[in-house]
Amino acid sequence: MKKIILLALLVGLGFTSCKSKKRYSDQLRTKNVQNERSKSTTNNSKKVGKEDLPAEPSKFIQFRIDSPTDYISTFAETAQLEMMGYGIPASITLAQGLLESGNGKGELAMKTNNHFGIKCHKGWEGDYDFHDDDEKGECFRKYNHPMYSFRDHSIFLTTRSRYAFLFDLKHTDYKGWARGLRKAGYATDPRYPQKLIYLIEKYDLHKYDRQIKKAGYDNTTIVATDSDNIHTVQKGDTLYSLSRKYYMSVDELMQLNNLRSSDLSIGQPIKVKK
């Protein structure tokens, strides 16, 4: 009997030891992943609508752009994909990219692939570099590929409540967007709207917005504000189950998301309170 008890204790200790090693291994793996994330913006699950971005290159790729038309032809499709996923007019994205990056040849763009002048801000965990702007030696986000600068621009505008009113505009209203960006504080230059409008009209950038409209884009992007979260509808979700999960009434959910019926589709983004 003593041998049986002793054997049971040894087996128990071995099992506990295995669990401890696995837990330590999992913690170490998690820590390594977090450390990698701090060094790079690499992310295999960054999405635009139903489109996934490829994994960001591990090394910095410097783009050589010869002219504004070269810039447009290089990034027009990327701007259109961002428009379909996030609701920002492709014309605005391209005009901002041209202006903020100096046609892709500015010092900041060349050394960081940052085409929109987005600074580090609180909570940024990706790579960065320093550049003289409004003040000397300011921190700017850095990307290994410009594509991720375009994605970050979309996320930046759709997750800050001060830009939320822009998404009430028609997606072909580039003039309203240009003025609204200045009003919301994207740039300090009082002539920022006029510069964007000039670029859009000079290079006929609004044609990229019209192309998306002809493809059936309906501008239904949902924008999260500071007090909102987004829940992606899963199989089995109903407004009632979501109301219980997020401590909201069904009426609140319908009003917050401008819903006319209780029908939900898998993959549908739904605003919910934090």
C-alpha atoms as a PDB file:
ATOM      1  CA  MET A   1       0.000   0.000   0.000  1.00  0.00           C
ATOM      2  CA  LYS A   2       2.851   2.392   0.838  1.00  0.00           C
ATOM      3  CA  LYS A   3       4.463   1.641  -2.525  1.00  0.00           C
ATOM      4  CA  ILE A   4       1.226   2.494  -4.347  1.00  0.00           C
ATOM      5  CA  ILE A   5       0.901   5.828  -2.484  1.00  0.00           C
ATOM      6  CA  LEU A   6       4.574   6.647  -3.163  1.00  0.00           C
ATOM      7  CA  LEU A   7       4.146   5.837  -6.852  1.00  0.00           C
ATOM      8  CA  ALA A   8       1.063   8.058  -7.048  1.00  0.00           C
ATOM      9  CA  LEU A   9       2.955  10.960  -5.449  1.00  0.00           C
ATOM     10  CA  LEU A  10       5.849  10.582  -7.892  1.00  0.00           C
ATOM     11  CA  VAL A  11       3.480  10.568 -10.884  1.00  0.00           C
ATOM     12  CA  GLY A  12       1.715  13.645  -9.493  1.00  0.00           C
ATOM     13  CA  LEU A  13       4.988  15.500  -9.040  1.00  0.00           C
ATOM     14  CA  GLY A  14       6.073  14.594 -12.562  1.00  0.00           C
ATOM     15  CA  PHE A  15       2.789  15.840 -14.015  1.00  0.00           C
ATOM     16  CA  THR A  16       3.046  19.084 -12.032  1.00  0.00           C
ATOM     17  CA  SER A  17       6.625  19.538 -13.214  1.00  0.00           C
ATOM     18  CA  CYS A  18       5.565  19.050 -16.857  1.00  0.00           C
ATOM     19  CA  LYS A  19       2.772  21.580 -16.429  1.00  0.00           C
ATOM     20  CA  SER A  20       5.190  24.078 -14.862  1.00  0.00           C
ATOM     21  CA  LYS A  21       7.668  23.658 -17.689  1.00  0.00           C
ATOM     22  CA  LYS A  22       4.914  24.110 -20.268  1.00  0.00           C
ATOM     23  CA  ARG A  23       3.626  27.220 -18.486  1.00  0.00           C
ATOM     24  CA  TYR A  24       7.134  28.676 -18.344  1.00  0.00           C
ATOM     25  CA  SER A  25       7.661  27.807 -22.017  1.00  0.00           C
ATOM     26  CA  ASP A  26       4.372  29.476 -22.959  1.00  0.00           C
ATOM     27  CA  GLN A  27       5.267  32.572 -20.929  1.00  0.00           C
ATOM     28  CA  LEU A  28       8.688  32.741 -22.554  1.00  0.00           C
ATOM     29  CA  ARG A  29       7.165  32.376 -26.015  1.00  0.00           C
ATOM     30  CA  THR A  30       4.644  35.146 -25.251  1.00  0.00           C
ATOM     31  CA  LYS A  31       7.430  37.405 -23.980  1.00  0.00           C
ATOM     32  CA  ASN A  32       9.486  36.801 -27.129  1.00  0.00           C
ATOM     33  CA  VAL A  33       6.500  37.642 -29.320  1.00  0.00           C
ATOM     34  CA  GLN A  34       5.898  40.867 -27.383  1.00  0.00           C
ATOM     35  CA  ASN A  35       9.576  41.804 -27.696  1.00  0.00           C
ATOM     36  CA  GLU A  36       9.465  41.222 -31.446  1.00  0.00           C
ATOM     37  CA  ARG A  37       6.380  43.378 -31.703  1.00  0.00           C
ATOM     38  CA  SER A  38       8.156  46.203 -29.914  1.00  0.00           C
ATOM     39  CA  LYS A  39      10.930  46.126 -32.491  1.00  0.00           C
ATOM     40  CA  SER A  40       8.758  45.872 -35.588  1.00  0.00           C
ATOM     41  CA  THR A  41       5.237  46.453 -36.858  1.00  0.00           C
ATOM     42  CA  THR A  42       5.164  42.962 -38.427  1.00  0.00           C
ATOM     43  CA  ASN A  43       1.630  41.538 -38.191  1.00  0.00           C
ATOM     44  CA  ASN A  44       0.110  38.814 -40.340  1.00  0.00           C
ATOM     45  CA  SER A  45      -3.491  39.634 -39.413  1.00  0.00           C
ATOM     46  CA  LYS A  46      -3.808  43.305 -40.373  1.00  0.00           C
ATOM     47  CA  LYS A  47      -6.933  43.547 -42.505  1.00  0.00           C
ATOM     48  CA  VAL A  48      -8.635  45.844 -44.953  1.00  0.00           C
ATOM     49  CA  GLY A  49     -12.218  44.769 -45.407  1.00  0.00           C
ATOM     50  CA  LYS A  50     -11.803  41.099 -46.352  1.00  0.00           C
ATOM     51  CA  GLU A  51      -8.254  41.597 -47.595  1.00  0.00           C
ATOM     52  CA  ASP A  52      -5.224  40.569 -45.532  1.00  0.00           C
ATOM     53  CA  LEU A  53      -1.949  42.391 -45.876  1.00  0.00           C
ATOM     54  CA  PRO A  54       1.048  40.146 -46.480  1.00  0.00           C
ATOM     55  CA  ALA A  55       3.567  39.856 -43.677  1.00  0.00           C
ATOM     56  CA  GLU A  56       5.669  42.981 -43.381  1.00  0.00           C
ATOM     57  CA  PRO A  57       9.254  42.443 -44.597  1.00  0.00           C
ATOM     58  CA  SER A  58      11.772  41.888 -41.827  1.00  0.00           C
ATOM     59  CA  LYS A  59      14.137  44.406 -43.423  1.00  0.00           C
ATOM     60  CA  PHE A  60      13.560  48.029 -44.397  1.00  0.00           C
ATOM     61  CA  ILE A  61      12.754  48.506 -48.095  1.00  0.00           C
ATOM     62  CA  GLN A  62      13.501  51.954 -49.489  1.00  0.00           C
ATOM     63  CA  PHE A  63      11.251  53.004 -52.353  1.00  0.00           C
ATOM     64  CA  ARG A  64      12.562  55.085 -55.241  1.00  0.00           C
ATOM     65  CA  ILE A  65       9.860  57.319 -56.722  1.00  0.00           C
ATOM     66  CA  ASP A  66      10.671  59.348 -59.820  1.00  0.00           C
ATOM     67  CA  SER A  67       7.674  61.706 -60.042  1.00  0.00           C
ATOM     68  CA  PRO A  68       4.166  62.431 -58.702  1.00  0.00           C
ATOM     69  CA  THR A  69       2.629  60.313 -61.486  1.00  0.00           C
ATOM     70  CA  ASP A  70       4.991  57.476 -60.568  1.00  0.00           C
ATOM     71  CA  TYR A  71       3.854  57.793 -56.939  1.00  0.00           C
ATOM     72  CA  ILE A  72       0.196  57.662 -57.968  1.00  0.00           C
ATOM     73  CA  SER A  73       0.605  54.640 -60.230  1.00  0.00           C
ATOM     74  CA  THR A  74       2.554  52.856 -57.474  1.00  0.00           C
ATOM     75  CA  PHE A  75       0.071  53.412 -54.651  1.00  0.00           C
ATOM     76  CA  ALA A  76      -3.330  53.981 -56.322  1.00  0.00           C
ATOM     77  CA  GLU A  77      -4.465  50.389 -55.859  1.00  0.00           C
ATOM     78  CA  THR A  78      -3.377  50.390 -52.217  1.00  0.00           C
ATOM     79  CA  ALA A  79      -5.382  53.595 -51.615  1.00  0.00           C
ATOM     80  CA  GLN A  80      -8.448  52.011 -53.231  1.00  0.00           C
ATOM     81  CA  LEU A  81      -8.190  48.885 -51.090  1.00  0.00           C
ATOM     82  CA  GLU A  82      -7.956  51.071 -47.988  1.00  0.00           C
ATOM     83  CA  MET A  83     -11.026  52.977 -49.176  1.00  0.00           C
ATOM     84  CA  MET A  84     -13.040  49.770 -49.473  1.00  0.00           C
ATOM     85  CA  GLY A  85     -11.918  48.601 -46.052  1.00  0.00           C
ATOM     86  CA  TYR A  86     -12.038  51.846 -44.084  1.00  0.00           C
ATOM     87  CA  GLY A  87     -14.155  54.354 -46.029  1.00  0.00           C
ATOM     88  CA  ILE A  88     -11.469  56.996 -46.599  1.00  0.00           C
ATOM     89  CA  PRO A  89     -11.609  58.361 -50.185  1.00  0.00           C
ATOM     90  CA  ALA A  90      -8.701  57.046 -52.246  1.00  0.00           C
ATOM     91  CA  SER A  91      -8.220  60.557 -53.640  1.00  0.00           C
ATOM     92  CA  ILE A  92      -7.681  61.943 -50.137  1.00  0.00           C
ATOM     93  CA  THR A  93      -5.271  59.160 -49.190  1.00  0.00           C
ATOM     94  CA  LEU A  94      -3.201  59.694 -52.351  1.00  0.00           C
ATOM     95  CA  ALA A  95      -3.209  63.488 -52.031  1.00  0.00           C
ATOM     96  CA  GLN A  96      -2.137  63.309 -48.384  1.00  0.00           C
ATOM     97  CA  GLY A  97       0.558  60.804 -49.290  1.00  0.00           C
ATOM     98  CA  LEU A  98       1.886  63.045 -52.065  1.00  0.00           C
ATOM     99  CA  LEU A  99       1.857  66.113 -49.846  1.00  0.00           C
ATOM    100  CA  GLU A 100       3.123  64.629 -46.592  1.00  0.00           C
ATOM    101  CA  SER A 101       5.859  62.512 -48.200  1.00  0.00           C
ATOM    102  CA  GLY A 102       7.073  65.096 -50.724  1.00  0.00           C
ATOM    103  CA  ASN A 103       5.971  62.836 -53.594  1.00  0.00           C
ATOM    104  CA  GLY A 104       7.622  59.925 -51.827  1.00  0.00           C
ATOM    105  CA  LYS A 105      11.025  61.633 -51.925  1.00  0.00           C
ATOM    106  CA  GLY A 106      10.972  63.585 -48.664  1.00  0.00           C
ATOM    107  CA  GLU A 107      13.583  62.928 -45.997  1.00  0.00           C
ATOM    108  CA  LEU A 108      11.087  61.406 -43.550  1.00  0.00           C
ATOM    109  CA  ALA A 109       9.536  59.123 -46.187  1.00  0.00           C
ATOM    110  CA  MET A 110      12.934  57.960 -47.419  1.00  0.00           C
ATOM    111  CA  LYS A 111      14.217  56.948 -43.996  1.00  0.00           C
ATOM    112  CA  THR A 112      10.972  55.659 -42.403  1.00  0.00           C
ATOM    113  CA  ASN A 113       8.479  54.823 -45.228  1.00  0.00           C
ATOM    114  CA  ASN A 114       6.128  57.074 -43.250  1.00  0.00           C
ATOM    115  CA  HIS A 115       4.072  58.726 -46.009  1.00  0.00           C
ATOM    116  CA  PHE A 116       1.562  60.524 -43.783  1.00  0.00           C
ATOM    117  CA  GLY A 117       3.677  62.224 -41.147  1.00  0.00           C
ATOM    118  CA  ILE A 118       2.151  60.197 -38.312  1.00  0.00           C
ATOM    119  CA  LYS A 119       4.046  60.705 -35.082  1.00  0.00           C
ATOM    120  CA  CYS A 120       4.629  58.003 -32.489  1.00  0.00           C
ATOM    121  CA  HIS A 121       1.923  59.079 -30.044  1.00  0.00           C
ATOM    122  CA  LYS A 122       1.199  57.271 -26.798  1.00  0.00           C
ATOM    123  CA  GLY A 123       0.903  53.506 -27.084  1.00  0.00           C
ATOM    124  CA  TRP A 124       2.871  53.076 -30.323  1.00  0.00           C
ATOM    125  CA  GLU A 125       4.831  49.804 -30.058  1.00  0.00           C
ATOM    126  CA  GLY A 126       6.330  49.662 -33.553  1.00  0.00           C
ATOM    127  CA  ASP A 127       9.638  50.903 -34.921  1.00  0.00           C
ATOM    128  CA  TYR A 128      10.378  54.634 -34.976  1.00  0.00           C
ATOM    129  CA  ASP A 129      12.894  57.296 -35.918  1.00  0.00           C
ATOM    130  CA  PHE A 130      13.484  60.944 -35.083  1.00  0.00           C
ATOM    131  CA  HIS A 131      12.901  63.846 -37.438  1.00  0.00           C
ATOM    132  CA  ASP A 132      12.726  67.635 -37.140  1.00  0.00           C
ATOM    133  CA  ASP A 133       9.161  68.857 -37.709  1.00  0.00           C
ATOM    134  CA  ASP A 134       7.195  71.340 -35.570  1.00  0.00           C
ATOM    135  CA  GLU A 135       9.897  70.717 -32.978  1.00  0.00           C
ATOM    136  CA  LYS A 136      13.410  69.344 -33.236  1.00  0.00           C
ATOM    137  CA  GLY A 137      13.915  65.586 -32.976  1.00  0.00           C
ATOM    138  CA  GLU A 138      10.271  64.486 -32.891  1.00  0.00           C
ATOM    139  CA  CYS A 139       9.402  60.789 -32.852  1.00  0.00           C
ATOM    140  CA  PHE A 140       7.806  59.397 -36.029  1.00  0.00           C
ATOM    141  CA  ARG A 141       6.527  55.926 -36.813  1.00  0.00           C
ATOM    142  CA  LYS A 142       8.672  53.765 -39.063  1.00  0.00           C
ATOM    143  CA  TYR A 143       7.603  50.964 -41.394  1.00  0.00           C
ATOM    144  CA  ASN A 144       9.579  48.436 -43.399  1.00  0.00           C
ATOM    145  CA  HIS A 145       7.190  48.866 -46.345  1.00  0.00           C
ATOM    146  CA  PRO A 146       5.025  51.879 -47.347  1.00  0.00           C
ATOM    147  CA  MET A 147       1.945  49.631 -47.561  1.00  0.00           C
ATOM    148  CA  TYR A 148       1.889  49.541 -43.765  1.00  0.00           C
ATOM    149  CA  SER A 149       2.045  53.310 -43.637  1.00  0.00           C
ATOM    150  CA  PHE A 150      -1.149  53.398 -45.705  1.00  0.00           C
ATOM    151  CA  ARG A 151      -2.784  50.887 -43.368  1.00  0.00           C
ATOM    152  CA  ASP A 152      -1.740  52.835 -40.279  1.00  0.00           C
ATOM    153  CA  HIS A 153      -3.159  56.011 -41.834  1.00  0.00           C
ATOM    154  CA  SER A 154      -6.537  54.269 -42.221  1.00  0.00           C
ATOM    155  CA  ILE A 155      -6.484  52.958 -38.659  1.00  0.00           C
ATOM    156  CA  PHE A 156      -5.374  56.359 -37.345  1.00  0.00           C
ATOM    157  CA  LEU A 157      -8.361  58.163 -38.903  1.00  0.00           C
ATOM    158  CA  THR A 158     -10.978  55.528 -38.062  1.00  0.00           C
ATOM    159  CA  THR A 159     -10.059  55.069 -34.399  1.00  0.00           C
ATOM    160  CA  ARG A 160      -9.921  58.708 -33.287  1.00  0.00           C
ATOM    161  CA  SER A 161     -13.239  60.317 -32.467  1.00  0.00           C
ATOM    162  CA  ARG A 162     -12.206  63.760 -33.719  1.00  0.00           C
ATOM    163  CA  TYR A 163     -12.304  62.420 -37.290  1.00  0.00           C
ATOM    164  CA  ALA A 164     -15.609  60.547 -36.907  1.00  0.00           C
ATOM    165  CA  PHE A 165     -17.705  63.311 -38.516  1.00  0.00           C
ATOM    166  CA  LEU A 166     -15.787  62.884 -41.779  1.00  0.00           C
ATOM    167  CA  PHE A 167     -17.389  59.496 -42.326  1.00  0.00           C
ATOM    168  CA  ASP A 168     -20.816  61.135 -42.540  1.00  0.00           C
ATOM    169  CA  LEU A 169     -19.669  62.756 -45.790  1.00  0.00           C
ATOM    170  CA  LYS A 170     -20.151  61.143 -49.172  1.00  0.00           C
ATOM    171  CA  HIS A 171     -17.075  59.168 -50.129  1.00  0.00           C
ATOM    172  CA  THR A 172     -16.827  61.235 -53.322  1.00  0.00           C
ATOM    173  CA  ASP A 173     -16.820  64.551 -51.391  1.00  0.00           C
ATOM    174  CA  TYR A 174     -13.056  65.074 -51.456  1.00  0.00           C
ATOM    175  CA  LYS A 175     -13.427  68.820 -50.829  1.00  0.00           C
ATOM    176  CA  GLY A 176     -15.395  68.192 -47.647  1.00  0.00           C
ATOM    177  CA  TRP A 177     -12.796  65.668 -46.529  1.00  0.00           C
ATOM    178  CA  ALA A 178      -9.931  68.059 -47.251  1.00  0.00           C
ATOM    179  CA  ARG A 179     -11.525  70.832 -45.192  1.00  0.00           C
ATOM    180  CA  GLY A 180     -12.565  68.404 -42.455  1.00  0.00           C
ATOM    181  CA  LEU A 181      -9.036  67.072 -41.967  1.00  0.00           C
ATOM    182  CA  ARG A 182      -7.780  70.585 -41.313  1.00  0.00           C
ATOM    183  CA  LYS A 183     -10.721  71.293 -38.997  1.00  0.00           C
ATOM    184  CA  ALA A 184     -10.039  68.113 -37.017  1.00  0.00           C
ATOM    185  CA  GLY A 185      -6.414  69.129 -36.538  1.00  0.00           C
ATOM    186  CA  TYR A 186      -4.586  66.731 -38.846  1.00  0.00           C
ATOM    187  CA  ALA A 187      -2.321  69.576 -40.008  1.00  0.00           C
ATOM    188  CA  THR A 188      -1.488  73.046 -38.729  1.00  0.00           C
ATOM    189  CA  ASP A 189      -1.061  74.556 -42.216  1.00  0.00           C
ATOM    190  CA  PRO A 190      -4.100  76.828 -42.833  1.00  0.00           C
ATOM    191  CA  ARG A 191      -3.828  76.103 -46.566  1.00  0.00           C
ATOM    192  CA  TYR A 192      -3.799  72.335 -46.088  1.00  0.00           C
ATOM    193  CA  PRO A 193      -7.280  71.830 -47.653  1.00  0.00           C
ATOM    194  CA  GLN A 194      -6.422  73.905 -50.715  1.00  0.00           C
ATOM    195  CA  LYS A 195      -3.205  71.956 -51.247  1.00  0.00           C
ATOM    196  CA  LEU A 196      -5.029  68.621 -51.106  1.00  0.00           C
ATOM    197  CA  ILE A 197      -7.759  69.815 -53.465  1.00  0.00           C
ATOM    198  CA  TYR A 198      -5.151  71.160 -55.897  1.00  0.00           C
ATOM    199  CA  LEU A 199      -3.364  67.809 -56.028  1.00  0.00           C
ATOM    200  CA  ILE A 200      -6.609  65.871 -56.435  1.00  0.00           C
ATOM    201  CA  GLU A 201      -7.762  68.025 -59.329  1.00  0.00           C
ATOM    202  CA  LYS A 202      -4.361  68.367 -60.991  1.00  0.00           C
ATOM    203  CA  TYR A 203      -3.827  64.606 -61.150  1.00  0.00           C
ATOM    204  CA  ASP A 204      -7.513  63.641 -61.444  1.00  0.00           C
ATOM    205  CA  LEU A 205      -7.268  61.559 -58.265  1.00  0.00           C
ATOM    206  CA  HIS A 206     -11.054  61.575 -57.756  1.00  0.00           C
ATOM    207  CA  LYS A 207     -11.333  59.087 -60.617  1.00  0.00           C
ATOM    208  CA  TYR A 208     -10.140  56.433 -58.166  1.00  0.00           C
ATOM    209  CA  ASP A 209     -13.113  57.235 -55.912  1.00  0.00           C
ATOM    210  CA  ARG A 210     -15.510  56.931 -58.871  1.00  0.00           C
ATOM    211  CA  GLN A 211     -14.020  53.573 -59.839  1.00  0.00           C
ATOM    212  CA  ILE A 212     -14.795  52.201 -56.398  1.00  0.00           C
ATOM    213  CA  LYS A 213     -18.333  53.633 -56.568  1.00  0.00           C
ATOM    214  CA  LYS A 214     -18.926  51.852 -59.882  1.00  0.00           C
ATOM    215  CA  ALA A 215     -17.755  48.628 -58.258  1.00  0.00           C
ATOM    216  CA  GLY A 216     -20.667  48.866 -55.809  1.00  0.00           C
ATOM    217  CA  TYR A 217     -18.987  50.357 -52.736  1.00  0.00           C
ATOM    218  CA  ASP A 218     -21.704  51.691 -50.401  1.00  0.00           C
ATOM    219  CA  ASN A 219     -19.686  53.556 -47.763  1.00  0.00           C
ATOM    220  CA  THR A 220     -20.961  51.481 -44.813  1.00  0.00           C
ATOM    221  CA  THR A 221     -17.711  51.513 -42.842  1.00  0.00           C
ATOM    222  CA  ILE A 222     -18.315  51.709 -39.090  1.00  0.00           C
ATOM    223  CA  VAL A 223     -15.983  54.043 -37.224  1.00  0.00           C
ATOM    224  CA  ALA A 224     -15.155  53.456 -33.568  1.00  0.00           C
ATOM    225  CA  THR A 225     -14.993  56.433 -31.229  1.00  0.00           C
ATOM    226  CA  ASP A 226     -13.094  56.702 -27.961  1.00  0.00           C
ATOM    227  CA  SER A 227     -16.071  55.281 -26.036  1.00  0.00           C
ATOM    228  CA  ASP A 228     -16.803  52.427 -28.441  1.00  0.00           C
ATOM    229  CA  ASN A 229     -15.476  48.982 -29.256  1.00  0.00           C
ATOM    230  CA  ILE A 230     -16.161  46.929 -32.351  1.00  0.00           C
ATOM    231  CA  HIS A 231     -17.586  43.417 -32.056  1.00  0.00           C
ATOM    232  CA  THR A 232     -17.303  41.251 -35.171  1.00  0.00           C
ATOM    233  CA  VAL A 233     -20.423  39.113 -35.493  1.00  0.00           C
ATOM    234  CA  GLN A 234     -19.775  35.383 -35.046  1.00  0.00           C
ATOM    235  CA  LYS A 235     -21.980  32.386 -35.807  1.00  0.00           C
ATOM    236  CA  GLY A 236     -24.816  32.258 -33.259  1.00  0.00           C
ATOM    237  CA  ASP A 237     -24.632  35.954 -32.321  1.00  0.00           C
ATOM    238  CA  THR A 238     -27.920  37.831 -32.012  1.00  0.00           C
ATOM    239  CA  LEU A 239     -28.705  41.348 -30.876  1.00  0.00           C
ATOM    240  CA  TYR A 240     -30.140  39.867 -27.693  1.00  0.00           C
ATOM    241  CA  SER A 241     -26.989  37.837 -26.923  1.00  0.00           C
ATOM    242  CA  LEU A 242     -24.819  40.885 -27.640  1.00  0.00           C
ATOM    243  CA  SER A 243     -27.000  43.064 -25.426  1.00  0.00           C
ATOM    244  CA  ARG A 244     -26.431  40.660 -22.523  1.00  0.00           C
ATOM    245  CA  LYS A 245     -22.720  40.340 -23.244  1.00  0.00           C
ATOM    246  CA  TYR A 246     -22.090  44.106 -23.332  1.00  0.00           C
ATOM    247  CA  TYR A 247     -24.765  45.183 -20.821  1.00  0.00           C
ATOM    248  CA  MET A 248     -26.704  47.176 -23.400  1.00  0.00           C
ATOM    249  CA  SER A 249     -30.325  47.061 -24.508  1.00  0.00           C
ATOM    250  CA  VAL A 250     -31.255  45.810 -27.979  1.00  0.00           C
ATOM    251  CA  ASP A 251     -32.613  49.282 -28.761  1.00  0.00           C
ATOM    252  CA  GLU A 252     -29.258  50.850 -27.814  1.00  0.00           C
ATOM    253  CA  LEU A 253     -27.411  48.490 -30.130  1.00  0.00           C
ATOM    254  CA  MET A 254     -29.773  49.189 -33.016  1.00  0.00           C
ATOM    255  CA  GLN A 255     -29.580  52.952 -32.513  1.00  0.00           C
ATOM    256  CA  LEU A 256     -25.778  52.975 -32.128  1.00  0.00           C
ATOM    257  CA  ASN A 257     -25.348  51.008 -35.372  1.00  0.00           C
ATOM    258  CA  ASN A 258     -28.197  52.575 -37.361  1.00  0.00           C
ATOM    259  CA  LEU A 259     -29.824  49.141 -37.742  1.00  0.00           C
ATOM    260  CA  ARG A 260     -33.318  48.890 -39.200  1.00  0.00           C
ATOM    261  CA  SER A 261     -33.757  45.199 -38.419  1.00  0.00           C
ATOM    262  CA  SER A 262     -32.380  42.668 -35.973  1.00  0.00           C
ATOM    263  CA  ASP A 263     -30.773  40.550 -38.702  1.00  0.00           C
ATOM    264  CA  LEU A 264     -26.997  40.128 -38.367  1.00  0.00           C
ATOM    265  CA  SER A 265     -24.442  38.696 -40.786  1.00  0.00           C
ATOM    266  CA  ILE A 266     -21.306  36.753 -39.852  1.00  0.00           C
ATOM    267  CA  GLY A 267     -18.318  39.118 -40.065  1.00  0.00           C
ATOM    268  CA  GLN A 268     -20.472  42.229 -39.645  1.00  0.00           C
ATOM    269  CA  PRO A 269     -18.836  44.913 -37.429  1.00  0.00           C
ATOM    270  CA  ILE A 270     -21.071  46.091 -34.595  1.00  0.00           C
ATOM    271  CA  LYS A 271     -20.380  49.046 -32.329  1.00  0.00           C
ATOM    272  CA  VAL A 272     -20.639  48.208 -28.637  1.00  0.00           C
ATOM    273  CA  LYS A 273     -19.915  50.208 -25.511  1.00  0.00           C
ATOM    274  CA  LYS A 274     -16.679  49.540 -23.652  1.00  0.00           C
END
